[in-house]
């Protein structure tokens, strides 16, 4: 069985590394990498550059030249891989959040899933809070996604919808309350609490929210 710690350490989110690390550079001379492998490495470095630059300057203040400088990649290469800044930020956001959700699902299932739904929810939330704490640039970029306008709101809506899966094993909940609405409301409440903590620079406090967030998610479905 993979531990929760192992689940977290498997992740390499945008902003977790510097794009300019010497071992990540493509040295001149004969290469054994295929063009596809070269493009993949450059894309990964640019996604790191996107996260760190947006975290430092905000979406509006992040320039493509700054992203390229942080990644150690040229502007022509940037435009070979992305249509523009919005496209790059959305790619970093979606790629990173999909990794996080998969890690949360693994932790959820390893904690028992339907056999002990509250404990499984706690395990998934613990991964979320720990990962965001350990990758502050990515966490800050996630908050900045709302600055993109319609495209950012759409990406955020997709992320929140992906959390509905965690309620598949939940008890029925109150009879008079539509289940789908209740799920979306509690997910939105958790998102708002995490968003506020990150926006206020309280990243190290995120793990302290675990008990409160578990209560917010579990209580509406288990209280009589």
Protein backbone atom coordinates (compact mmCIF):
# COMPACT_ATOMS: atom_id res chain seq x y z
CA UNK A 1 0.00 0.00 0.00
CA UNK A 2 1.31 3.45 -0.91
CA UNK A 3 1.45 5.84 2.01
CA UNK A 4 -0.12 9.29 1.87
CA UNK A 5 3.38 10.72 2.10
CA UNK A 6 4.44 8.65 -0.89
CA UNK A 7 1.39 9.87 -2.79
CA UNK A 8 2.41 13.47 -2.19
CA UNK A 9 6.05 12.90 -3.08
CA UNK A 10 5.08 11.39 -6.44
CA UNK A 11 3.78 14.77 -7.59
CA UNK A 12 5.88 17.22 -9.57
CA UNK A 13 3.65 20.26 -9.89
CA UNK A 14 4.32 23.39 -11.95
CA UNK A 15 6.43 25.73 -9.85
CA UNK A 16 7.98 22.94 -7.78
CA UNK A 17 11.29 23.25 -9.64
CA UNK A 18 13.30 25.94 -11.33
CA UNK A 19 13.25 25.78 -15.10
CA UNK A 20 16.84 26.98 -15.08
CA UNK A 21 18.30 24.08 -13.11
CA UNK A 22 21.51 23.05 -14.94
CA UNK A 23 20.50 19.41 -15.19
CA UNK A 24 17.32 20.40 -17.04
CA UNK A 25 19.06 22.42 -19.74
CA UNK A 26 19.42 21.15 -23.28
CA UNK A 27 23.11 21.36 -24.00
CA UNK A 28 24.36 22.22 -27.48
CA UNK A 29 25.83 19.48 -29.64
CA UNK A 30 24.61 16.05 -30.74
CA UNK A 31 21.45 14.97 -28.94
CA UNK A 32 19.92 11.59 -28.42
CA UNK A 33 16.54 13.06 -27.55
CA UNK A 34 13.78 12.97 -30.12
CA UNK A 35 12.14 16.26 -31.13
CA UNK A 36 9.10 15.20 -29.11
CA UNK A 37 11.23 14.64 -26.00
CA UNK A 38 12.91 18.02 -26.45
CA UNK A 39 9.52 19.73 -26.76
CA UNK A 40 8.23 17.90 -23.67
CA UNK A 41 11.18 19.03 -21.57
CA UNK A 42 10.88 22.60 -22.76
CA UNK A 43 7.15 22.56 -22.03
CA UNK A 44 7.74 21.32 -18.48
CA UNK A 45 10.29 24.07 -17.89
CA UNK A 46 7.89 26.68 -19.24
CA UNK A 47 5.09 25.43 -16.98
CA UNK A 48 7.44 25.87 -14.02
CA UNK A 49 8.25 29.35 -15.29
CA UNK A 50 4.54 30.12 -15.63
CA UNK A 51 3.77 29.13 -12.04
CA UNK A 52 6.69 30.97 -10.44
CA UNK A 53 6.20 34.12 -12.55
CA UNK A 54 2.43 34.33 -11.99
CA UNK A 55 2.92 33.65 -8.27
CA UNK A 56 5.47 36.45 -8.02
CA UNK A 57 3.76 39.07 -10.21
CA UNK A 58 0.12 38.08 -10.52
CA UNK A 59 -1.45 37.14 -13.83
CA UNK A 60 -1.72 40.71 -15.08
CA UNK A 61 1.90 41.48 -14.18
CA UNK A 62 3.38 38.28 -15.60
CA UNK A 63 5.08 38.90 -18.94
CA UNK A 64 5.94 36.23 -21.46
CA UNK A 65 9.54 37.45 -21.42
CA UNK A 66 9.63 36.88 -17.65
CA UNK A 67 8.17 33.39 -18.04
CA UNK A 68 10.77 32.53 -20.68
CA UNK A 69 13.56 33.92 -18.53
CA UNK A 70 12.42 31.88 -15.52
CA UNK A 71 12.24 28.77 -17.69
CA UNK A 72 15.48 29.33 -19.56
CA UNK A 73 13.55 28.98 -22.83
CA UNK A 74 13.36 31.39 -25.77
CA UNK A 75 10.22 33.25 -26.88
CA UNK A 76 10.09 31.43 -30.23
CA UNK A 77 10.01 28.12 -28.37
CA UNK A 78 7.27 29.46 -26.08
CA UNK A 79 5.09 30.27 -29.09
CA UNK A 80 5.76 26.86 -30.59
CA UNK A 81 4.17 25.31 -27.52
CA UNK A 82 1.53 27.84 -26.42
CA UNK A 83 -0.64 30.36 -28.23
CA UNK A 84 -0.06 32.98 -25.54
CA UNK A 85 0.08 33.70 -21.81
CA UNK A 86 -3.50 32.65 -21.11
CA UNK A 87 -2.99 29.32 -22.88
CA UNK A 88 0.18 28.64 -20.87
CA UNK A 89 -1.39 29.51 -17.52
CA UNK A 90 -4.44 27.36 -18.21
CA UNK A 91 -2.14 24.47 -19.17
CA UNK A 92 -0.16 24.82 -15.93
CA UNK A 93 -3.36 25.07 -13.88
CA UNK A 94 -5.09 22.10 -15.49
CA UNK A 95 -2.01 19.89 -15.53
CA UNK A 96 -1.23 20.59 -11.89
CA UNK A 97 -4.74 20.33 -10.51
CA UNK A 98 -5.34 17.07 -12.36
CA UNK A 99 -2.26 15.62 -10.67
CA UNK A 100 -3.51 16.78 -7.28
CA UNK A 101 -6.98 15.30 -7.79
CA UNK A 102 -5.49 11.96 -8.85
CA UNK A 103 -3.31 11.94 -5.72
CA UNK A 104 -6.34 12.74 -3.58
CA UNK A 105 -8.27 9.88 -5.15
CA UNK A 106 -5.45 7.44 -4.44
CA UNK A 107 -5.33 8.55 -0.81
CA UNK A 108 -9.12 8.33 -0.57
CA UNK A 109 -9.19 4.79 -1.90
CA UNK A 110 -6.27 3.66 0.27
CA UNK A 111 -8.10 4.99 3.34
CA UNK A 112 -11.07 2.75 2.67
CA UNK A 113 -13.37 4.71 0.40
CA UNK A 114 -16.95 3.57 0.97
CA UNK A 115 -15.91 1.39 3.91
CA UNK A 116 -15.06 4.48 5.98
CA UNK A 117 -16.14 7.53 4.03
CA UNK A 118 -15.25 10.21 6.63
CA UNK A 119 -11.74 8.76 7.04
CA UNK A 120 -11.32 8.56 3.26
CA UNK A 121 -12.41 12.18 2.86
CA UNK A 122 -9.90 13.20 5.53
CA UNK A 123 -7.12 11.36 3.71
CA UNK A 124 -7.91 13.08 0.44
CA UNK A 125 -8.10 16.52 2.01
CA UNK A 126 -4.83 15.96 3.86
CA UNK A 127 -3.09 15.37 0.54
CA UNK A 128 -4.59 18.55 -0.91
CA UNK A 129 -3.53 20.76 1.98
CA UNK A 130 -0.06 19.23 2.24
CA UNK A 131 0.66 19.53 -1.48
CA UNK A 132 -0.41 23.18 -1.59
CA UNK A 133 1.72 23.95 1.45
CA UNK A 134 4.74 22.28 -0.12
CA UNK A 135 4.33 24.01 -3.50
CA UNK A 136 3.55 27.67 -2.72
CA UNK A 137 4.11 28.93 -6.27
CA UNK A 138 1.57 26.49 -7.65
CA UNK A 139 -0.90 27.26 -4.83
CA UNK A 140 -0.65 30.98 -5.53
CA UNK A 141 -1.09 30.45 -9.27
CA UNK A 142 -4.24 28.42 -8.56
CA UNK A 143 -5.70 31.45 -6.77
CA UNK A 144 -4.66 33.73 -9.64
CA UNK A 145 -6.63 31.65 -12.16
CA UNK A 146 -9.67 33.82 -11.52
CA UNK A 147 -7.81 36.80 -12.99
CA UNK A 148 -8.01 35.24 -16.46
CA UNK A 149 -11.70 36.03 -16.87
CA UNK A 150 -14.04 33.53 -18.60
CA UNK A 151 -11.28 31.01 -19.41
CA UNK A 152 -10.09 31.02 -15.81
CA UNK A 153 -13.61 30.65 -14.45
CA UNK A 154 -14.22 27.73 -16.78
CA UNK A 155 -11.04 25.99 -15.65
CA UNK A 156 -12.00 26.56 -12.00
CA UNK A 157 -15.51 25.18 -12.63
CA UNK A 158 -14.01 22.05 -14.18
CA UNK A 159 -11.79 21.58 -11.14
CA UNK A 160 -14.66 21.97 -8.67
CA UNK A 161 -16.81 19.55 -10.69
CA UNK A 162 -14.05 16.94 -10.47
CA UNK A 163 -14.44 16.90 -6.67
CA UNK A 164 -17.99 15.53 -6.96
CA UNK A 165 -16.44 12.09 -7.31
CA UNK A 166 -15.51 12.12 -3.61
CA UNK A 167 -19.21 12.08 -2.68
CA UNK A 168 -20.09 8.92 -4.58
CA UNK A 169 -19.79 6.94 -1.35
CA UNK A 170 -21.34 9.57 0.92
CA UNK A 171 -24.53 8.85 2.90
CA UNK A 172 -27.77 10.08 1.37
CA UNK A 173 -27.92 13.29 3.37
CA UNK A 174 -31.06 15.32 4.19
CA UNK A 175 -34.12 14.06 2.33
CA UNK A 176 -35.41 17.48 1.33
CA UNK A 177 -32.11 18.83 0.02
CA UNK A 178 -31.12 18.05 -3.59
CA UNK A 179 -27.94 16.00 -3.32
CA UNK A 180 -26.17 17.59 -6.30
CA UNK A 181 -26.75 21.08 -4.93
CA UNK A 182 -25.53 20.09 -1.48
CA UNK A 183 -22.34 18.58 -2.92
CA UNK A 184 -21.57 21.70 -4.95
CA UNK A 185 -22.24 23.95 -1.97
CA UNK A 186 -19.87 22.13 0.39
CA UNK A 187 -17.18 21.86 -2.29
CA UNK A 188 -17.51 25.58 -2.89
CA UNK A 189 -17.17 26.27 0.83
CA UNK A 190 -13.95 24.26 1.06
CA UNK A 191 -12.57 25.96 -2.04
CA UNK A 192 -13.35 29.38 -0.56
CA UNK A 193 -11.59 28.58 2.73
CA UNK A 194 -8.46 27.31 0.98
CA UNK A 195 -8.53 30.23 -1.47
CA UNK A 196 -8.70 32.74 1.37
CA UNK A 197 -5.79 31.20 3.25
CA UNK A 198 -3.58 31.16 0.15
CA UNK A 199 -4.63 34.67 -0.88
CA UNK A 200 -3.72 35.96 2.58
CA UNK A 201 -0.32 34.29 2.45
CA UNK A 202 -1.17 31.75 5.16
CA UNK A 203 0.11 28.73 3.27
CA UNK A 204 1.76 27.18 6.30
CA UNK A 205 -1.61 27.31 8.09
CA UNK A 206 -3.36 25.16 5.48
CA UNK A 207 -2.84 21.82 7.31
CA UNK A 208 -4.46 23.40 10.38
CA UNK A 209 -7.72 23.69 8.40
CA UNK A 210 -8.06 19.92 8.05
CA UNK A 211 -10.46 19.26 10.93
CA UNK A 212 -12.71 22.19 9.99
CA UNK A 213 -12.82 21.24 6.31
CA UNK A 214 -13.58 17.59 7.08
CA UNK A 215 -16.46 18.73 9.27
CA UNK A 216 -17.82 21.02 6.55
CA UNK A 217 -17.75 18.18 4.02
CA UNK A 218 -18.97 15.31 6.19
CA UNK A 219 -21.49 16.83 8.59
CA UNK A 220 -24.24 17.67 6.03
CA UNK A 221 -24.34 14.01 4.95
CA UNK A 222 -23.99 12.28 8.32
CA UNK A 223 -25.95 14.47 10.75
CA UNK A 224 -29.50 13.46 11.49
